[in-house]
PDB file of all heavy atoms in Angstrom:
ATOM      1  N   TYR A   1       0.874  -1.165  -0.032  1.00  0.00           N
ATOM      2  CA  TYR A   1      -0.087   0.074   0.064  1.00  0.00           C
ATOM      3  C   TYR A   1       0.856   1.286  -0.037  1.00  0.00           C
ATOM      4  O   TYR A   1       0.558   2.301  -0.624  1.00  0.00           O
ATOM      5  CB  TYR A   1      -0.987   0.021   1.260  1.00  0.00           C
ATOM      6  CG  TYR A   1      -2.102  -0.992   1.126  1.00  0.00           C
ATOM      7  CD1 TYR A   1      -2.189  -2.062   1.927  1.00  0.00           C
ATOM      8  CD2 TYR A   1      -3.145  -0.654   0.271  1.00  0.00           C
ATOM      9  CE1 TYR A   1      -3.292  -2.826   1.830  1.00  0.00           C
ATOM     10  CE2 TYR A   1      -4.288  -1.555   0.077  1.00  0.00           C
ATOM     11  CZ  TYR A   1      -4.323  -2.530   0.958  1.00  0.00           C
ATOM     12  OH  TYR A   1      -5.350  -3.456   0.799  1.00  0.00           O
ATOM     13  N   GLY A   2       1.999   1.261   0.723  1.00  0.00           N
ATOM     14  CA  GLY A   2       2.835   2.504   0.833  1.00  0.00           C
ATOM     15  C   GLY A   2       3.345   2.895  -0.520  1.00  0.00           C
ATOM     16  O   GLY A   2       3.125   3.988  -1.018  1.00  0.00           O
ATOM     17  N   PRO A   3       4.139   2.074  -1.205  1.00  0.00           N
ATOM     18  CA  PRO A   3       4.591   2.351  -2.519  1.00  0.00           C
ATOM     19  C   PRO A   3       3.499   2.694  -3.543  1.00  0.00           C
ATOM     20  O   PRO A   3       3.713   3.531  -4.369  1.00  0.00           O
ATOM     21  CB  PRO A   3       5.308   1.173  -2.934  1.00  0.00           C
ATOM     22  CG  PRO A   3       5.766   0.390  -1.701  1.00  0.00           C
ATOM     23  CD  PRO A   3       4.677   0.735  -0.766  1.00  0.00           C
ATOM     24  N   LEU A   4       2.340   2.068  -3.443  1.00  0.00           N
ATOM     25  CA  LEU A   4       1.267   2.308  -4.331  1.00  0.00           C
ATOM     26  C   LEU A   4       0.730   3.746  -4.135  1.00  0.00           C
ATOM     27  O   LEU A   4       0.474   4.534  -5.065  1.00  0.00           O
ATOM     28  CB  LEU A   4       0.050   1.305  -3.977  1.00  0.00           C
ATOM     29  CG  LEU A   4      -1.222   1.530  -4.724  1.00  0.00           C
ATOM     30  CD1 LEU A   4      -0.928   1.031  -6.276  1.00  0.00           C
ATOM     31  CD2 LEU A   4      -2.348   0.681  -4.237  1.00  0.00           C
ATOM     32  N   ILE A   5       0.548   4.193  -2.884  1.00  0.00           N
ATOM     33  CA  ILE A   5       0.184   5.544  -2.599  1.00  0.00           C
ATOM     34  C   ILE A   5       1.196   6.601  -2.997  1.00  0.00           C
ATOM     35  O   ILE A   5       0.843   7.541  -3.614  1.00  0.00           O
ATOM     36  CB  ILE A   5      -0.216   5.688  -1.100  1.00  0.00           C
ATOM     37  CG1 ILE A   5      -1.422   4.923  -0.724  1.00  0.00           C
ATOM     38  CG2 ILE A   5      -0.358   7.157  -0.677  1.00  0.00           C
ATOM     39  CD1 ILE A   5      -1.775   4.797   0.722  1.00  0.00           C
ATOM     40  N   GLY A   6       2.479   6.311  -2.707  1.00  0.00           N
ATOM     41  CA  GLY A   6       3.510   7.178  -3.038  1.00  0.00           C
ATOM     42  C   GLY A   6       3.620   7.323  -4.573  1.00  0.00           C
ATOM     43  O   GLY A   6       3.868   8.390  -5.065  1.00  0.00           O
ATOM     44  N   SER A   7       3.502   6.266  -5.248  1.00  0.00           N
ATOM     45  CA  SER A   7       3.552   6.361  -6.809  1.00  0.00           C
ATOM     46  C   SER A   7       2.363   7.075  -7.302  1.00  0.00           C
ATOM     47  O   SER A   7       2.522   7.819  -8.234  1.00  0.00           O
ATOM     48  CB  SER A   7       3.531   4.832  -7.345  1.00  0.00           C
ATOM     49  OG  SER A   7       4.656   4.084  -6.769  1.00  0.00           O
ATOM     50  N   ALA A   8       1.191   6.883  -6.790  1.00  0.00           N
ATOM     51  CA  ALA A   8       0.023   7.504  -7.285  1.00  0.00           C
ATOM     52  C   ALA A   8       0.103   9.006  -7.113  1.00  0.00           C
ATOM     53  O   ALA A   8      -0.288   9.838  -7.982  1.00  0.00           O
ATOM     54  CB  ALA A   8      -1.267   6.934  -6.653  1.00  0.00           C
ATOM     55  N   SER A   9       0.501   9.421  -5.886  1.00  0.00           N
ATOM     56  CA  SER A   9       0.597  10.806  -5.679  1.00  0.00           C
ATOM     57  C   SER A   9       1.670  11.483  -6.610  1.00  0.00           C
ATOM     58  O   SER A   9       1.601  12.700  -6.897  1.00  0.00           O
ATOM     59  CB  SER A   9       0.974  11.072  -4.171  1.00  0.00           C
ATOM     60  OG  SER A   9       2.071  10.606  -3.758  1.00  0.00           O
ATOM     61  N   ARG A  10       2.764  10.747  -6.894  1.00  0.00           N
ATOM     62  CA  ARG A  10       3.817  11.250  -7.810  1.00  0.00           C
ATOM     63  C   ARG A  10       3.221  11.475  -9.221  1.00  0.00           C
ATOM     64  O   ARG A  10       3.514  12.518  -9.770  1.00  0.00           O
ATOM     65  CB  ARG A  10       4.945  10.316  -7.902  1.00  0.00           C
ATOM     66  CG  ARG A  10       6.096  10.808  -8.790  1.00  0.00           C
ATOM     67  CD  ARG A  10       7.429   9.918  -8.533  1.00  0.00           C
ATOM     68  NE  ARG A  10       8.512  10.602  -9.153  1.00  0.00           N
ATOM     69  CZ  ARG A  10       9.762  10.294  -8.958  1.00  0.00           C
ATOM     70  NH1 ARG A  10      10.038   9.209  -8.114  1.00  0.00           N
ATOM     71  NH2 ARG A  10      10.822  10.936  -9.514  1.00  0.00           N
ATOM     72  N   ILE A  11       2.356  10.647  -9.651  1.00  0.00           N
ATOM     73  CA  ILE A  11       1.797  10.802 -11.061  1.00  0.00           C
ATOM     74  C   ILE A  11       0.827  12.048 -10.913  1.00  0.00           C
ATOM     75  O   ILE A  11       0.879  12.838 -11.730  1.00  0.00           O
ATOM     76  CB  ILE A  11       1.002   9.605 -11.420  1.00  0.00           C
ATOM     77  CG1 ILE A  11       1.936   8.464 -11.503  1.00  0.00           C
ATOM     78  CG2 ILE A  11       0.181   9.865 -12.644  1.00  0.00           C
ATOM     79  CD1 ILE A  11       1.265   7.087 -11.886  1.00  0.00           C
ATOM     80  N   ALA A  12      -0.047  12.085  -9.926  1.00  0.00           N
ATOM     81  CA  ALA A  12      -1.038  13.075  -9.812  1.00  0.00           C
ATOM     82  C   ALA A  12      -0.426  14.406  -9.666  1.00  0.00           C
ATOM     83  O   ALA A  12      -0.904  15.410 -10.355  1.00  0.00           O
ATOM     84  CB  ALA A  12      -1.917  12.831  -8.687  1.00  0.00           C
ATOM     85  N   PHE A  13       0.573  14.527  -8.840  1.00  0.00           N
ATOM     86  CA  PHE A  13       1.144  15.900  -8.623  1.00  0.00           C
ATOM     87  C   PHE A  13       2.258  16.306  -9.649  1.00  0.00           C
ATOM     88  O   PHE A  13       2.771  17.374  -9.663  1.00  0.00           O
ATOM     89  CB  PHE A  13       1.757  15.908  -7.229  1.00  0.00           C
ATOM     90  CG  PHE A  13       0.771  16.072  -6.208  1.00  0.00           C
ATOM     91  CD1 PHE A  13       0.111  15.069  -5.621  1.00  0.00           C
ATOM     92  CD2 PHE A  13       0.314  17.399  -5.768  1.00  0.00           C
ATOM     93  CE1 PHE A  13      -0.957  15.232  -4.665  1.00  0.00           C
ATOM     94  CE2 PHE A  13      -0.652  17.521  -4.807  1.00  0.00           C
ATOM     95  CZ  PHE A  13      -1.228  16.503  -4.220  1.00  0.00           C
ATOM     96  N   GLY A  14       2.517  15.392 -10.579  1.00  0.00           N
ATOM     97  CA  GLY A  14       3.353  15.842 -11.778  1.00  0.00           C
ATOM     98  C   GLY A  14       2.614  16.805 -12.535  1.00  0.00           C
ATOM     99  O   GLY A  14       3.276  17.817 -13.045  1.00  0.00           O
ATOM    100  N   PHE A  15       1.341  16.603 -12.834  1.00  0.00           N
ATOM    101  CA  PHE A  15       0.535  17.603 -13.476  1.00  0.00           C
ATOM    102  C   PHE A  15       0.345  18.876 -12.744  1.00  0.00           C
ATOM    103  O   PHE A  15       0.475  20.052 -13.301  1.00  0.00           O
ATOM    104  CB  PHE A  15      -0.924  17.084 -13.762  1.00  0.00           C
ATOM    105  CG  PHE A  15      -0.895  15.933 -14.576  1.00  0.00           C
ATOM    106  CD1 PHE A  15      -0.875  14.608 -14.047  1.00  0.00           C
ATOM    107  CD2 PHE A  15      -0.841  16.018 -16.000  1.00  0.00           C
ATOM    108  CE1 PHE A  15      -0.921  13.450 -14.917  1.00  0.00           C
ATOM    109  CE2 PHE A  15      -0.993  14.868 -16.781  1.00  0.00           C
ATOM    110  CZ  PHE A  15      -0.909  13.522 -16.241  1.00  0.00           C
ATOM    111  N   VAL A  16       0.168  18.812 -11.315  1.00  0.00           N
ATOM    112  CA  VAL A  16       0.154  19.972 -10.506  1.00  0.00           C
ATOM    113  C   VAL A  16       1.445  20.835 -10.512  1.00  0.00           C
ATOM    114  O   VAL A  16       1.404  21.990 -10.585  1.00  0.00           O
ATOM    115  CB  VAL A  16      -0.142  19.604  -9.058  1.00  0.00           C
ATOM    116  CG1 VAL A  16      -0.139  20.686  -8.090  1.00  0.00           C
ATOM    117  CG2 VAL A  16      -1.458  18.843  -8.960  1.00  0.00           C
ATOM    118  N   ALA A  17       2.619  19.987 -10.534  1.00  0.00           N
ATOM    119  CA  ALA A  17       3.872  20.705 -10.552  1.00  0.00           C
ATOM    120  C   ALA A  17       4.088  21.611 -11.782  1.00  0.00           C
ATOM    121  O   ALA A  17       4.671  22.723 -11.806  1.00  0.00           O
ATOM    122  CB  ALA A  17       4.979  19.665 -10.449  1.00  0.00           C
ATOM    123  N   ASP A  18       3.563  21.085 -12.992  1.00  0.00           N
ATOM    124  CA  ASP A  18       3.560  21.978 -14.190  1.00  0.00           C
ATOM    125  C   ASP A  18       2.781  23.199 -14.087  1.00  0.00           C
ATOM    126  O   ASP A  18       3.146  24.220 -14.710  1.00  0.00           O
ATOM    127  CB  ASP A  18       3.144  21.174 -15.383  1.00  0.00           C
ATOM    128  CG  ASP A  18       4.172  20.197 -15.944  1.00  0.00           C
ATOM    129  OD1 ASP A  18       5.414  20.539 -15.755  1.00  0.00           O
ATOM    130  OD2 ASP A  18       3.915  19.197 -16.530  1.00  0.00           O
ATOM    131  N   LYS A  19       1.760  23.186 -13.119  1.00  0.00           N
ATOM    132  CA  LYS A  19       0.944  24.446 -13.049  1.00  0.00           C
ATOM    133  C   LYS A  19       1.434  25.377 -11.921  1.00  0.00           C
ATOM    134  O   LYS A  19       1.449  26.549 -12.136  1.00  0.00           O
ATOM    135  CB  LYS A  19      -0.519  23.956 -12.628  1.00  0.00           C
ATOM    136  CG  LYS A  19      -1.179  23.094 -13.644  1.00  0.00           C
ATOM    137  CD  LYS A  19      -1.363  23.763 -15.010  1.00  0.00           C
ATOM    138  CE  LYS A  19      -2.059  22.907 -15.994  1.00  0.00           C
ATOM    139  NZ  LYS A  19      -2.323  23.499 -17.385  1.00  0.00           N
ATOM    140  N   VAL A  20       1.840  24.841 -10.837  1.00  0.00           N
ATOM    141  CA  VAL A  20       2.251  25.738  -9.653  1.00  0.00           C
ATOM    142  C   VAL A  20       3.718  25.748  -9.428  1.00  0.00           C
ATOM    143  O   VAL A  20       4.192  26.491  -8.441  1.00  0.00           O
ATOM    144  CB  VAL A  20       1.441  25.239  -8.406  1.00  0.00           C
ATOM    145  CG1 VAL A  20      -0.018  25.267  -8.661  1.00  0.00           C
ATOM    146  CG2 VAL A  20       1.959  23.862  -7.924  1.00  0.00           C
ATOM    147  N   GLY A  21       4.482  24.944 -10.128  1.00  0.00           N
ATOM    148  CA  GLY A  21       5.986  24.913  -9.794  1.00  0.00           C
ATOM    149  C   GLY A  21       6.231  23.748  -8.799  1.00  0.00           C
ATOM    150  O   GLY A  21       5.390  23.214  -8.073  1.00  0.00           O
ATOM    151  N   GLY A  22       7.429  23.303  -8.846  1.00  0.00           N
ATOM    152  CA  GLY A  22       7.808  22.223  -7.968  1.00  0.00           C
ATOM    153  C   GLY A  22       8.233  22.496  -6.535  1.00  0.00           C
ATOM    154  O   GLY A  22       8.132  21.777  -5.672  1.00  0.00           O
ATOM    155  N   ALA A  23       8.795  23.741  -6.389  1.00  0.00           N
ATOM    156  CA  ALA A  23       9.409  24.049  -5.121  1.00  0.00           C
ATOM    157  C   ALA A  23       8.429  24.069  -3.955  1.00  0.00           C
ATOM    158  O   ALA A  23       8.671  23.479  -2.912  1.00  0.00           O
ATOM    159  CB  ALA A  23      10.039  25.387  -5.231  1.00  0.00           C
ATOM    160  N   ILE A  24       7.208  24.538  -4.158  1.00  0.00           N
ATOM    161  CA  ILE A  24       6.139  24.605  -3.067  1.00  0.00           C
ATOM    162  C   ILE A  24       5.817  23.129  -2.694  1.00  0.00           C
ATOM    163  O   ILE A  24       5.565  22.864  -1.490  1.00  0.00           O
ATOM    164  CB  ILE A  24       4.890  25.371  -3.536  1.00  0.00           C
ATOM    165  CG1 ILE A  24       3.913  25.386  -2.409  1.00  0.00           C
ATOM    166  CG2 ILE A  24       4.258  24.810  -4.855  1.00  0.00           C
ATOM    167  CD1 ILE A  24       4.361  26.076  -1.200  1.00  0.00           C
TER     168      ILE A  24
END
């Protein structure tokens, strides 16, 4: 479950990072 959750959030927030930047 741990790696599954960490992997899913990495995919989801890749799109967010393109919008708001990665530093935050």
